[in-house]
């Protein structure tokens, strides 16, 4: 029996199984988004012009509350009887109003003696800081406190995104993506479920990323996703599942069959100490156009990535310490019918970092970070027979603006990186690294996002162990009308390979328009242009992509 045929049959069987699972997820998301409300949904409002006041849970219109509405006596769920509507009400100040026909009236409260100040503040500890007192800023404490209103419940659930690496925090992006409606989710016990599904038509001018003989195609793309977020007074748990599938008209070899499953959690040991952990499984297809790409005429290989990490956070007072570690295992599967040109890209990475942060105020902190990593490749490079095993160091200092403010969130840092290879025939990689993840709400109508990433990337190019890769980008978002929002951005990326005369540069520009029909349905259109320039002769190319579609969410 031919082993290649057995392997191809197994890959095909696994692909069909993943495809069936993706179909079930897509149908479930559609039913959850468009189906009837099966539980008490939470309502979230956006700050500023696009989210003023209390909102009706279905229509999204402001709901006027009676001016004379008063809270019931006692807890709202302890079974207390309603107050007598004929009972007299107390004036805003002074003694209670007299009741007609009743002689015995409450005595007036005695006035405080003149010149004596009553100090009601509890005394401070004699020595040091009382460990039983929560010294966290209000914005931080509220972010993890038990929600009291529907708006707070939805806001906490959306912001509850534990990120072991602060540079990848999703909350600056949420500030940038202000919207007239926030997803309200579906109540599932003590969790909130956020289903979403995107369907669009994509047209590409240069599907294979070539300089000459460009070929275009049109594809149907679907992207269902679901997030299940806990709504607990302590601890946190988030489960997410995402999928991207495309169906090209002329070239099915370029279809996407990507999906990601991820679980994140936080264990609150004390008010000052918690442990965050995550585990994720990701399957995607290799992209064309890069010098490291192993895609061929038979298609693009699957890249499977498994990642696990743990983070320990502890706060003393203004000083916070974070210790984190992660293990990443990547496998690049060869395309069925092609020679083995991918096994030298398989590796296991182990990394750890220690971060110290000093807080001046909730929206301003400084930090320093030191990290180490180790790459263990499963075999030597097929291009030159040299092993790419290496170990590296990273050092960064920066400024953090927090992740709860409504004007500016995120952080920016600068530092150095170094990667030494076990085989001395490969030159050492080193250089300055700049990282940024900032979301700035300029005003009620406009926001700006700035991103920068620097890293020492892997490479299978002969004589080059890796490349210093840097990227920087900016995107502006503006609301012409409450339900009509436009975006425009540009990103520049550059890779310099050590040990080879090779440089890659990519400029990506994009523009988009979103129209919100209601809370659940959004129409959108996007345009993207990519210019790729390299010293590798004959490998330059440009691509234009247009997408028009609809997004459904709950």
Protein backbone atom coordinates (compact mmCIF):
# COMPACT_ATOMS: atom_id res chain seq x y z
CA UNK A 1 0.00 0.00 0.00
CA UNK A 2 1.28 3.46 -0.88
CA UNK A 3 2.06 5.48 2.31
CA UNK A 4 1.44 8.77 0.51
CA UNK A 5 -2.05 7.67 -0.40
CA UNK A 6 -2.72 6.65 3.24
CA UNK A 7 -1.53 10.04 4.45
CA UNK A 8 -3.62 11.85 1.87
CA UNK A 9 -6.69 9.84 2.86
CA UNK A 10 -6.12 10.69 6.52
CA UNK A 11 -5.70 14.42 5.76
CA UNK A 12 -8.85 14.34 3.63
CA UNK A 13 -10.79 12.56 6.41
CA UNK A 14 -9.58 15.12 8.98
CA UNK A 15 -10.48 18.00 6.62
CA UNK A 16 -14.03 16.63 6.19
CA UNK A 17 -14.40 16.28 9.95
CA UNK A 18 -13.24 19.88 10.58
CA UNK A 19 -15.53 21.09 7.76
CA UNK A 20 -18.55 19.37 9.35
CA UNK A 21 -17.70 20.89 12.74
CA UNK A 22 -17.36 24.33 11.12
CA UNK A 23 -20.76 23.93 9.47
CA UNK A 24 -22.41 23.05 12.77
CA UNK A 25 -20.76 26.09 14.43
CA UNK A 26 -21.93 28.41 11.63
CA UNK A 27 -25.54 27.19 11.85
CA UNK A 28 -25.49 27.52 15.65
CA UNK A 29 -24.21 31.09 15.43
CA UNK A 30 -26.88 32.02 12.88
CA UNK A 31 -29.66 30.53 15.05
CA UNK A 32 -28.30 32.28 18.15
CA UNK A 33 -28.03 35.65 16.38
CA UNK A 34 -31.40 35.61 14.59
CA UNK A 35 -33.38 33.36 16.93
CA UNK A 36 -35.66 34.45 19.79
CA UNK A 37 -34.18 35.66 23.06
CA UNK A 38 -33.91 32.64 25.37
CA UNK A 39 -32.66 34.48 28.42
CA UNK A 40 -32.21 37.86 29.99
CA UNK A 41 -29.78 39.68 27.71
CA UNK A 42 -27.50 42.37 28.95
CA UNK A 43 -27.25 45.84 27.44
CA UNK A 44 -24.00 47.72 26.86
CA UNK A 45 -23.65 51.34 25.94
CA UNK A 46 -20.79 53.06 24.20
CA UNK A 47 -19.22 56.18 25.74
CA UNK A 48 -19.57 59.59 24.23
CA UNK A 49 -21.98 60.60 21.48
CA UNK A 50 -22.72 57.05 20.34
CA UNK A 51 -23.80 55.71 23.73
CA UNK A 52 -25.63 58.26 25.88
CA UNK A 53 -28.04 57.20 28.60
CA UNK A 54 -29.89 53.98 29.26
CA UNK A 55 -30.82 51.98 26.15
CA UNK A 56 -33.80 49.78 25.45
CA UNK A 57 -32.65 46.15 25.26
CA UNK A 58 -34.22 45.53 21.83
CA UNK A 59 -34.48 48.77 19.89
CA UNK A 60 -31.31 50.48 21.12
CA UNK A 61 -33.32 53.78 21.56
CA UNK A 62 -32.87 55.78 24.79
CA UNK A 63 -35.49 54.80 27.37
CA UNK A 64 -36.88 57.72 29.40
CA UNK A 65 -37.20 56.84 33.06
CA UNK A 66 -39.91 58.43 35.26
CA UNK A 67 -38.58 61.35 37.25
CA UNK A 68 -40.41 60.24 40.39
CA UNK A 69 -39.20 56.63 40.30
CA UNK A 70 -37.76 55.60 43.68
CA UNK A 71 -35.98 52.42 44.66
CA UNK A 72 -37.91 49.90 46.71
CA UNK A 73 -37.16 49.57 50.40
CA UNK A 74 -34.49 46.98 51.09
CA UNK A 75 -32.99 44.60 48.54
CA UNK A 76 -34.82 44.27 45.24
CA UNK A 77 -34.84 40.48 45.53
CA UNK A 78 -35.32 39.87 49.28
CA UNK A 79 -39.11 39.82 49.17
CA UNK A 80 -39.60 43.15 51.03
CA UNK A 81 -43.10 44.63 50.79
CA UNK A 82 -43.65 47.81 48.79
CA UNK A 83 -43.89 51.08 50.72
CA UNK A 84 -47.32 52.62 51.40
CA UNK A 85 -48.04 55.09 48.59
CA UNK A 86 -50.04 57.32 51.05
CA UNK A 87 -47.19 57.55 53.51
CA UNK A 88 -45.57 61.00 53.81
CA UNK A 89 -42.28 61.51 52.11
CA UNK A 90 -39.34 63.19 53.77
CA UNK A 91 -38.24 66.61 52.53
CA UNK A 92 -34.77 66.86 51.08
CA UNK A 93 -33.49 68.38 54.35
CA UNK A 94 -34.60 69.19 57.89
CA UNK A 95 -37.00 67.17 60.04
CA UNK A 96 -39.66 64.83 58.50
CA UNK A 97 -42.93 66.43 57.46
CA UNK A 98 -45.71 66.51 60.06
CA UNK A 99 -48.68 64.20 59.65
CA UNK A 100 -52.09 65.81 60.03
CA UNK A 101 -53.84 64.70 63.24
CA UNK A 102 -50.79 63.13 64.86
CA UNK A 103 -49.54 64.99 67.93
CA UNK A 104 -46.33 63.10 68.54
CA UNK A 105 -43.82 64.28 65.96
CA UNK A 106 -40.19 63.22 65.57
CA UNK A 107 -37.82 65.46 67.42
CA UNK A 108 -35.45 67.60 65.40
CA UNK A 109 -31.92 66.25 65.27
CA UNK A 110 -29.55 68.25 67.50
CA UNK A 111 -27.09 70.49 65.70
CA UNK A 112 -23.37 69.78 65.93
CA UNK A 113 -21.52 71.88 68.53
CA UNK A 114 -19.99 74.95 67.00
CA UNK A 115 -16.29 74.64 66.22
CA UNK A 116 -16.08 70.86 66.55
CA UNK A 117 -15.25 68.84 63.40
CA UNK A 118 -16.33 65.23 63.40
CA UNK A 119 -13.77 63.00 61.67
CA UNK A 120 -15.52 59.95 60.26
CA UNK A 121 -12.52 58.61 58.30
CA UNK A 122 -11.15 55.33 59.75
CA UNK A 123 -7.69 55.63 61.27
CA UNK A 124 -4.75 54.52 59.13
CA UNK A 125 -2.60 51.56 60.20
CA UNK A 126 0.17 52.47 62.56
CA UNK A 127 2.90 50.81 60.53
CA UNK A 128 2.76 50.06 56.81
CA UNK A 129 -0.31 49.43 54.67
CA UNK A 130 -3.27 47.43 55.97
CA UNK A 131 -3.31 44.26 53.78
CA UNK A 132 -7.09 43.91 54.21
CA UNK A 133 -7.77 47.22 52.40
CA UNK A 134 -8.12 47.17 48.60
CA UNK A 135 -5.69 49.84 47.37
CA UNK A 136 -6.41 49.33 43.68
CA UNK A 137 -7.63 52.36 41.70
CA UNK A 138 -11.40 52.64 41.28
CA UNK A 139 -11.24 51.93 37.54
CA UNK A 140 -9.33 48.71 38.13
CA UNK A 141 -11.45 47.56 41.04
CA UNK A 142 -14.68 48.22 39.13
CA UNK A 143 -13.45 46.22 36.15
CA UNK A 144 -13.41 43.07 38.29
CA UNK A 145 -16.18 43.87 40.76
CA UNK A 146 -19.49 42.07 40.62
CA UNK A 147 -21.71 43.98 38.12
CA UNK A 148 -24.75 45.71 39.59
CA UNK A 149 -26.59 46.79 36.43
CA UNK A 150 -27.24 45.31 33.00
CA UNK A 151 -24.89 47.85 31.42
CA UNK A 152 -22.10 46.93 33.85
CA UNK A 153 -22.64 43.22 33.26
CA UNK A 154 -22.26 43.57 29.49
CA UNK A 155 -19.32 45.96 29.82
CA UNK A 156 -17.47 43.61 32.18
CA UNK A 157 -18.15 40.62 29.94
CA UNK A 158 -16.83 42.41 26.88
CA UNK A 159 -13.77 43.80 28.65
CA UNK A 160 -12.97 40.53 30.39
CA UNK A 161 -10.20 39.45 28.04
CA UNK A 162 -7.23 38.10 30.02
CA UNK A 163 -4.08 38.67 27.99
CA UNK A 164 -0.88 37.06 29.29
CA UNK A 165 1.03 39.40 26.97
CA UNK A 166 -0.08 43.02 27.60
CA UNK A 167 1.10 44.04 24.12
CA UNK A 168 -1.71 41.89 22.68
CA UNK A 169 -4.45 43.29 24.94
CA UNK A 170 -7.74 43.57 23.03
CA UNK A 171 -9.16 46.43 25.09
CA UNK A 172 -7.34 49.30 23.26
CA UNK A 173 -8.90 47.96 20.07
CA UNK A 174 -12.34 48.07 21.71
CA UNK A 175 -11.89 51.75 22.53
CA UNK A 176 -10.88 52.41 18.92
CA UNK A 177 -13.86 50.50 17.49
CA UNK A 178 -16.58 52.66 18.98
CA UNK A 179 -19.97 51.59 17.64
CA UNK A 180 -23.58 52.75 18.02
CA UNK A 181 -24.45 49.33 19.48
CA UNK A 182 -22.47 46.94 21.60
CA UNK A 183 -23.40 43.26 21.40
CA UNK A 184 -25.68 42.41 24.32
CA UNK A 185 -25.09 38.66 24.31
CA UNK A 186 -27.35 35.86 25.44
CA UNK A 187 -27.61 34.88 29.09
CA UNK A 188 -26.60 31.24 29.60
CA UNK A 189 -26.64 30.50 33.32
CA UNK A 190 -23.75 32.44 34.83
CA UNK A 191 -22.23 33.06 31.38
CA UNK A 192 -22.84 35.43 28.49
CA UNK A 193 -22.73 34.04 24.95
CA UNK A 194 -21.68 36.38 22.13
CA UNK A 195 -22.39 34.77 18.72
CA UNK A 196 -21.31 36.42 15.46
CA UNK A 197 -21.30 35.49 11.77
CA UNK A 198 -19.84 37.35 8.78
CA UNK A 199 -20.71 36.62 5.16
CA UNK A 200 -19.06 38.51 2.28
CA UNK A 201 -18.06 38.38 -1.38
CA UNK A 202 -14.32 38.98 -1.99
CA UNK A 203 -12.68 39.89 -5.30
CA UNK A 204 -8.86 39.62 -5.60
CA UNK A 205 -6.79 40.96 -8.51
CA UNK A 206 -3.63 38.88 -7.94
CA UNK A 207 -4.59 35.70 -6.11
CA UNK A 208 -1.19 33.96 -6.40
CA UNK A 209 0.95 37.03 -5.48
CA UNK A 210 3.04 36.99 -8.67
CA UNK A 211 4.81 39.77 -10.55
CA UNK A 212 3.67 38.63 -13.98
CA UNK A 213 0.78 36.51 -15.18
CA UNK A 214 -1.54 37.83 -12.49
CA UNK A 215 -4.75 35.87 -12.02
CA UNK A 216 -7.83 37.17 -10.24
CA UNK A 217 -10.79 35.38 -8.68
CA UNK A 218 -14.00 35.90 -6.73
CA UNK A 219 -14.83 34.01 -3.55
CA UNK A 220 -17.62 33.58 -1.03
CA UNK A 221 -16.28 33.94 2.52
CA UNK A 222 -17.94 32.97 5.81
CA UNK A 223 -16.60 33.62 9.31
CA UNK A 224 -18.74 32.36 12.22
CA UNK A 225 -17.54 32.83 15.79
CA UNK A 226 -18.77 32.50 19.36
CA UNK A 227 -17.47 33.69 22.74
CA UNK A 228 -18.72 32.36 26.07
CA UNK A 229 -17.71 34.71 28.91
CA UNK A 230 -18.30 34.17 32.63
CA UNK A 231 -20.20 36.68 34.75
CA UNK A 232 -18.88 35.81 38.21
CA UNK A 233 -18.09 37.90 41.26
CA UNK A 234 -14.61 36.32 41.39
CA UNK A 235 -12.44 34.48 38.90
CA UNK A 236 -13.11 34.52 35.13
CA UNK A 237 -13.40 32.12 32.23
CA UNK A 238 -13.65 32.73 28.49
CA UNK A 239 -14.15 30.11 25.76
CA UNK A 240 -14.03 31.09 22.09
CA UNK A 241 -14.32 29.35 18.74
CA UNK A 242 -13.72 31.02 15.36
CA UNK A 243 -13.67 29.79 11.79
CA UNK A 244 -12.88 31.26 8.36
CA UNK A 245 -13.95 29.46 5.17
CA UNK A 246 -13.71 30.68 1.59
CA UNK A 247 -14.96 29.19 -1.67
CA UNK A 248 -13.17 30.46 -4.79
CA UNK A 249 -14.85 30.33 -8.16
CA UNK A 250 -11.86 29.41 -10.37
CA UNK A 251 -9.05 28.27 -8.05
CA UNK A 252 -10.28 26.07 -5.18
CA UNK A 253 -6.64 25.41 -4.19
CA UNK A 254 -6.70 28.86 -2.56
CA UNK A 255 -9.73 28.16 -0.37
CA UNK A 256 -9.33 28.91 3.34
CA UNK A 257 -10.20 26.30 5.94
CA UNK A 258 -8.95 28.01 9.09
CA UNK A 259 -10.28 27.69 12.63
CA UNK A 260 -9.24 28.53 16.17
CA UNK A 261 -10.34 27.19 19.56
CA UNK A 262 -9.18 28.98 22.69
CA UNK A 263 -9.79 28.99 26.44
CA UNK A 264 -8.67 31.73 28.84
CA UNK A 265 -9.16 31.97 32.57
CA UNK A 266 -8.25 33.94 35.68
CA UNK A 267 -8.03 32.59 39.23
CA UNK A 268 -8.29 35.29 41.92
CA UNK A 269 -6.19 34.04 44.82
CA UNK A 270 -6.42 37.29 46.81
CA UNK A 271 -7.31 40.88 46.01
CA UNK A 272 -3.70 41.48 45.05
CA UNK A 273 -2.78 38.17 43.43
CA UNK A 274 -4.22 36.25 40.51
CA UNK A 275 -3.17 33.62 37.99
CA UNK A 276 -4.11 33.82 34.31
CA UNK A 277 -3.83 30.88 31.92
CA UNK A 278 -4.71 30.10 28.35
CA UNK A 279 -4.62 27.22 25.88
CA UNK A 280 -5.25 27.51 22.16
CA UNK A 281 -5.32 25.39 19.01
CA UNK A 282 -5.06 27.13 15.64
CA UNK A 283 -5.21 25.75 12.10
CA UNK A 284 -4.59 28.03 9.12
CA UNK A 285 -3.10 27.91 5.63
CA UNK A 286 0.28 29.28 4.57
CA UNK A 287 0.15 32.59 2.71
CA UNK A 288 1.69 33.14 -0.70
CA UNK A 289 4.17 35.84 -1.63
CA UNK A 290 6.71 35.48 1.20
CA UNK A 291 10.22 34.15 0.68
CA UNK A 292 9.55 31.56 3.42
CA UNK A 293 6.28 30.37 1.90
CA UNK A 294 6.15 26.70 0.86
CA UNK A 295 2.94 26.97 -1.17
CA UNK A 296 3.15 25.42 -4.65
CA UNK A 297 0.92 24.67 -7.63
CA UNK A 298 -0.91 22.00 -5.60
CA UNK A 299 -2.03 24.46 -2.97
CA UNK A 300 -1.02 25.90 0.39
CA UNK A 301 0.10 23.76 3.34
CA UNK A 302 -1.77 23.74 6.63
CA UNK A 303 -0.04 25.33 9.63
CA UNK A 304 -1.11 23.95 13.02
CA UNK A 305 -0.16 25.89 16.16
CA UNK A 306 -0.74 24.79 19.75
CA UNK A 307 -0.01 27.32 22.48
CA UNK A 308 -0.23 27.18 26.26
CA UNK A 309 0.71 29.85 28.77
CA UNK A 310 0.47 30.84 32.45
CA UNK A 311 0.81 34.29 34.03
CA UNK A 312 1.20 35.20 37.71
CA UNK A 313 0.24 38.77 38.69
CA UNK A 314 0.84 40.34 42.10
CA UNK A 315 0.31 43.92 43.25
CA UNK A 316 2.11 45.32 46.31
CA UNK A 317 0.70 48.85 46.19
CA UNK A 318 1.81 51.01 43.31
CA UNK A 319 4.24 48.30 42.26
CA UNK A 320 2.94 45.38 40.19
CA UNK A 321 4.91 42.30 39.18
CA UNK A 322 4.07 39.88 36.39
CA UNK A 323 5.74 36.55 35.69
CA UNK A 324 4.62 34.73 32.54
CA UNK A 325 5.64 31.74 30.49
CA UNK A 326 4.37 30.03 27.34
CA UNK A 327 5.07 27.03 25.11
CA UNK A 328 4.29 27.09 21.38
CA UNK A 329 4.38 24.07 19.09
CA UNK A 330 4.09 24.65 15.32
CA UNK A 331 3.73 22.06 12.56
CA UNK A 332 3.63 22.81 8.82
CA UNK A 333 2.01 19.95 6.90
CA UNK A 334 3.09 19.35 3.28
CA UNK A 335 0.52 19.71 0.52
CA UNK A 336 -0.89 16.42 -0.70
CA UNK A 337 1.06 15.28 -3.77
CA UNK A 338 4.04 17.57 -3.08
CA UNK A 339 7.53 16.77 -1.88
CA UNK A 340 8.49 17.28 1.76
CA UNK A 341 9.51 20.96 1.78
CA UNK A 342 7.92 21.97 5.08
CA UNK A 343 9.26 19.75 7.89
CA UNK A 344 12.24 22.06 8.49
CA UNK A 345 9.75 24.78 9.57
CA UNK A 346 8.40 22.71 12.49
CA UNK A 347 9.57 23.91 15.90
CA UNK A 348 8.81 24.19 19.60
CA UNK A 349 9.29 27.54 21.32
CA UNK A 350 9.57 28.08 25.09
CA UNK A 351 9.50 31.63 26.43
CA UNK A 352 9.36 33.42 29.75
CA UNK A 353 9.27 37.05 30.90
CA UNK A 354 9.33 39.14 34.07
CA UNK A 355 7.63 42.53 34.09
CA UNK A 356 7.68 45.24 36.79
CA UNK A 357 5.29 48.20 36.60
CA UNK A 358 5.00 51.34 38.75
CA UNK A 359 1.69 53.18 38.69
CA UNK A 360 1.58 56.97 39.10
CA UNK A 361 -2.17 56.99 38.48
CA UNK A 362 -4.65 54.59 36.86
CA UNK A 363 -3.98 56.09 33.42
CA UNK A 364 -0.20 56.42 33.65
CA UNK A 365 2.42 53.80 34.54
CA UNK A 366 6.01 53.00 33.62
CA UNK A 367 7.33 49.47 33.25
CA UNK A 368 10.39 47.41 32.50
CA UNK A 369 10.46 43.88 31.11
CA UNK A 370 13.03 41.16 30.53
CA UNK A 371 12.35 37.97 28.59
CA UNK A 372 14.09 34.87 27.29
CA UNK A 373 13.16 32.26 24.68
CA UNK A 374 14.40 29.03 23.15
CA UNK A 375 13.65 27.54 19.72
CA UNK A 376 13.99 23.81 19.12
CA UNK A 377 13.54 22.81 15.45
CA UNK A 378 12.58 19.25 14.60
CA UNK A 379 15.16 18.99 11.80
CA UNK A 380 17.88 21.00 10.04
CA UNK A 381 17.00 23.37 7.22
CA UNK A 382 16.50 21.72 3.82
CA UNK A 383 18.13 24.71 2.10
CA UNK A 384 21.62 24.46 3.68
CA UNK A 385 21.52 21.57 6.20
CA UNK A 386 22.12 23.91 9.17
CA UNK A 387 20.07 23.61 12.34
CA UNK A 388 18.08 26.71 13.32
CA UNK A 389 18.02 25.93 17.07
CA UNK A 390 18.63 29.12 19.04
CA UNK A 391 18.11 31.03 22.30
CA UNK A 392 17.33 34.71 22.71
CA UNK A 393 16.80 37.63 25.06
CA UNK A 394 14.43 40.62 25.04
CA UNK A 395 14.61 43.81 27.14
CA UNK A 396 12.01 46.59 27.04
CA UNK A 397 11.02 49.76 28.92
CA UNK A 398 7.86 51.69 28.25
CA UNK A 399 4.80 53.65 29.31
CA UNK A 400 1.33 52.22 29.91
CA UNK A 401 -1.89 54.26 29.80
CA UNK A 402 -4.04 51.51 31.31
CA UNK A 403 -6.87 49.60 29.69
CA UNK A 404 -10.03 51.07 31.24
CA UNK A 405 -9.90 54.79 30.37
CA UNK A 406 -12.34 56.20 27.83
CA UNK A 407 -9.82 58.49 26.08
CA UNK A 408 -6.47 56.67 25.82
CA UNK A 409 -5.59 53.02 26.41
CA UNK A 410 -2.65 50.74 25.74
CA UNK A 411 1.12 50.96 25.96
CA UNK A 412 4.26 51.83 24.01
CA UNK A 413 7.81 50.53 24.60
CA UNK A 414 11.34 50.42 23.21
CA UNK A 415 14.14 47.93 23.84
CA UNK A 416 16.64 45.50 22.37
CA UNK A 417 16.48 41.90 21.18
CA UNK A 418 19.12 39.26 20.51
CA UNK A 419 18.96 35.72 19.12
CA UNK A 420 22.03 33.41 19.20
CA UNK A 421 22.07 30.22 17.11
CA UNK A 422 23.56 26.96 18.31
CA UNK A 423 25.39 26.60 14.98
CA UNK A 424 27.99 29.39 14.78
CA UNK A 425 27.80 29.40 10.97
CA UNK A 426 24.63 31.45 11.32
CA UNK A 427 25.15 35.11 12.32
CA UNK A 428 23.59 36.47 15.50
CA UNK A 429 20.33 38.38 15.12
CA UNK A 430 20.07 41.60 17.13
CA UNK A 431 18.55 45.04 16.95
CA UNK A 432 16.28 47.68 18.46
CA UNK A 433 12.63 46.71 18.98
CA UNK A 434 9.65 49.07 19.23
CA UNK A 435 6.19 47.90 20.28
CA UNK A 436 2.94 49.85 20.62
CA UNK A 437 -0.73 49.05 21.10
CA UNK A 438 -2.64 52.30 21.58
CA UNK A 439 -6.29 53.25 21.21
CA UNK A 440 -7.10 56.99 21.35
CA UNK A 441 -10.64 58.39 21.37
CA UNK A 442 -9.94 61.84 19.94
CA UNK A 443 -13.53 63.02 20.30
CA UNK A 444 -17.06 61.64 20.15
CA UNK A 445 -16.83 61.13 16.37
CA UNK A 446 -13.19 60.14 15.72
CA UNK A 447 -10.70 57.64 17.08
CA UNK A 448 -7.14 56.60 16.24
CA UNK A 449 -5.28 53.34 16.70
CA UNK A 450 -1.48 53.02 16.56
CA UNK A 451 0.25 49.64 16.43
CA UNK A 452 3.91 48.64 16.20
CA UNK A 453 5.47 45.20 16.41
CA UNK A 454 9.12 44.09 16.40
CA UNK A 455 10.45 40.57 16.56
CA UNK A 456 13.20 38.24 15.38
CA UNK A 457 11.44 35.94 12.94
CA UNK A 458 12.43 32.48 11.74
CA UNK A 459 13.73 31.76 8.23
CA UNK A 460 14.64 28.80 6.03
CA UNK A 461 16.63 30.90 3.52
CA UNK A 462 20.09 29.43 2.89
CA UNK A 463 22.67 31.07 5.17
CA UNK A 464 20.09 33.11 7.10
CA UNK A 465 18.90 31.94 10.49
CA UNK A 466 16.20 34.57 10.74
CA UNK A 467 15.17 38.15 10.10
CA UNK A 468 14.57 41.29 12.11
CA UNK A 469 10.92 42.09 11.37
CA UNK A 470 9.37 45.44 12.21
CA UNK A 471 5.96 46.88 11.41
CA UNK A 472 4.14 50.10 12.24
CA UNK A 473 0.60 51.11 11.38
CA UNK A 474 -2.09 53.66 12.03
CA UNK A 475 -5.84 53.61 11.46
CA UNK A 476 -8.47 56.36 11.78
CA UNK A 477 -12.15 55.73 12.43
CA UNK A 478 -14.77 58.47 11.95
CA UNK A 479 -18.56 58.56 12.30
CA UNK A 480 -20.26 60.61 9.57
CA UNK A 481 -23.61 59.71 11.07
CA UNK A 482 -24.60 57.69 14.11
CA UNK A 483 -24.98 54.54 12.01
CA UNK A 484 -22.42 55.31 9.27
CA UNK A 485 -18.76 54.86 10.23
CA UNK A 486 -15.69 54.93 7.96
CA UNK A 487 -12.13 53.68 8.56
CA UNK A 488 -8.83 54.28 6.76
CA UNK A 489 -5.34 53.05 7.60
CA UNK A 490 -1.84 52.23 6.43
CA UNK A 491 0.77 49.70 7.65
CA UNK A 492 4.46 49.44 6.77
CA UNK A 493 6.44 46.24 7.44
CA UNK A 494 10.12 45.45 6.80
CA UNK A 495 12.17 42.26 7.24
CA UNK A 496 16.00 42.30 7.16
CA UNK A 497 17.60 38.84 6.91
CA UNK A 498 20.92 38.32 8.70
CA UNK A 499 23.41 36.26 6.66
CA UNK A 500 21.70 36.88 3.30
CA UNK A 501 21.39 39.90 1.03
CA UNK A 502 17.61 39.91 1.32
CA UNK A 503 15.16 42.62 2.38
CA UNK A 504 11.36 42.50 2.23
CA UNK A 505 9.09 45.56 2.43
CA UNK A 506 5.30 45.60 2.45
CA UNK A 507 2.96 48.61 2.42
CA UNK A 508 -0.72 47.88 3.09
CA UNK A 509 -3.42 50.53 2.76
CA UNK A 510 -7.09 49.99 3.50
CA UNK A 511 -10.39 51.83 3.64
CA UNK A 512 -13.79 50.68 4.81
CA UNK A 513 -17.37 51.76 5.42
CA UNK A 514 -19.88 50.26 7.87
CA UNK A 515 -23.62 50.89 8.03
CA UNK A 516 -25.47 49.65 11.12
CA UNK A 517 -29.03 48.70 10.20
CA UNK A 518 -29.79 47.83 13.82
CA UNK A 519 -28.16 46.16 16.80
CA UNK A 520 -27.87 42.78 15.10
CA UNK A 521 -27.15 43.56 11.42
CA UNK A 522 -24.29 45.56 9.90
CA UNK A 523 -23.48 46.09 6.20
CA UNK A 524 -19.85 46.75 5.29
CA UNK A 525 -17.47 47.29 2.40
CA UNK A 526 -13.65 47.20 2.48
CA UNK A 527 -10.85 47.91 0.05
CA UNK A 528 -7.22 46.78 0.57
CA UNK A 529 -4.12 47.45 -1.55
CA UNK A 530 -0.82 45.62 -0.92
CA UNK A 531 2.56 46.60 -2.39
CA UNK A 532 5.36 44.04 -1.86
CA UNK A 533 8.95 44.97 -2.68
CA UNK A 534 11.99 42.71 -2.20
CA UNK A 535 15.63 42.43 -3.25
CA UNK A 536 14.76 38.94 -4.49
CA UNK A 537 14.62 39.64 -8.24
CA UNK A 538 11.29 38.91 -9.92
CA UNK A 539 9.34 38.50 -6.66
CA UNK A 540 7.72 41.97 -6.39
CA UNK A 541 3.94 42.15 -6.68
CA UNK A 542 0.86 44.21 -5.88
CA UNK A 543 -2.66 43.10 -4.92
CA UNK A 544 -6.07 44.76 -4.78
CA UNK A 545 -8.88 43.24 -2.73
CA UNK A 546 -12.52 44.32 -2.39
CA UNK A 547 -15.02 42.86 0.09
CA UNK A 548 -18.73 43.55 0.47
CA UNK A 549 -20.82 41.72 3.04
CA UNK A 550 -22.97 41.60 6.15
CA UNK A 551 -22.20 40.91 9.81
CA UNK A 552 -24.74 39.34 12.15
CA UNK A 553 -24.27 39.29 15.91
CA UNK A 554 -26.15 39.25 19.17
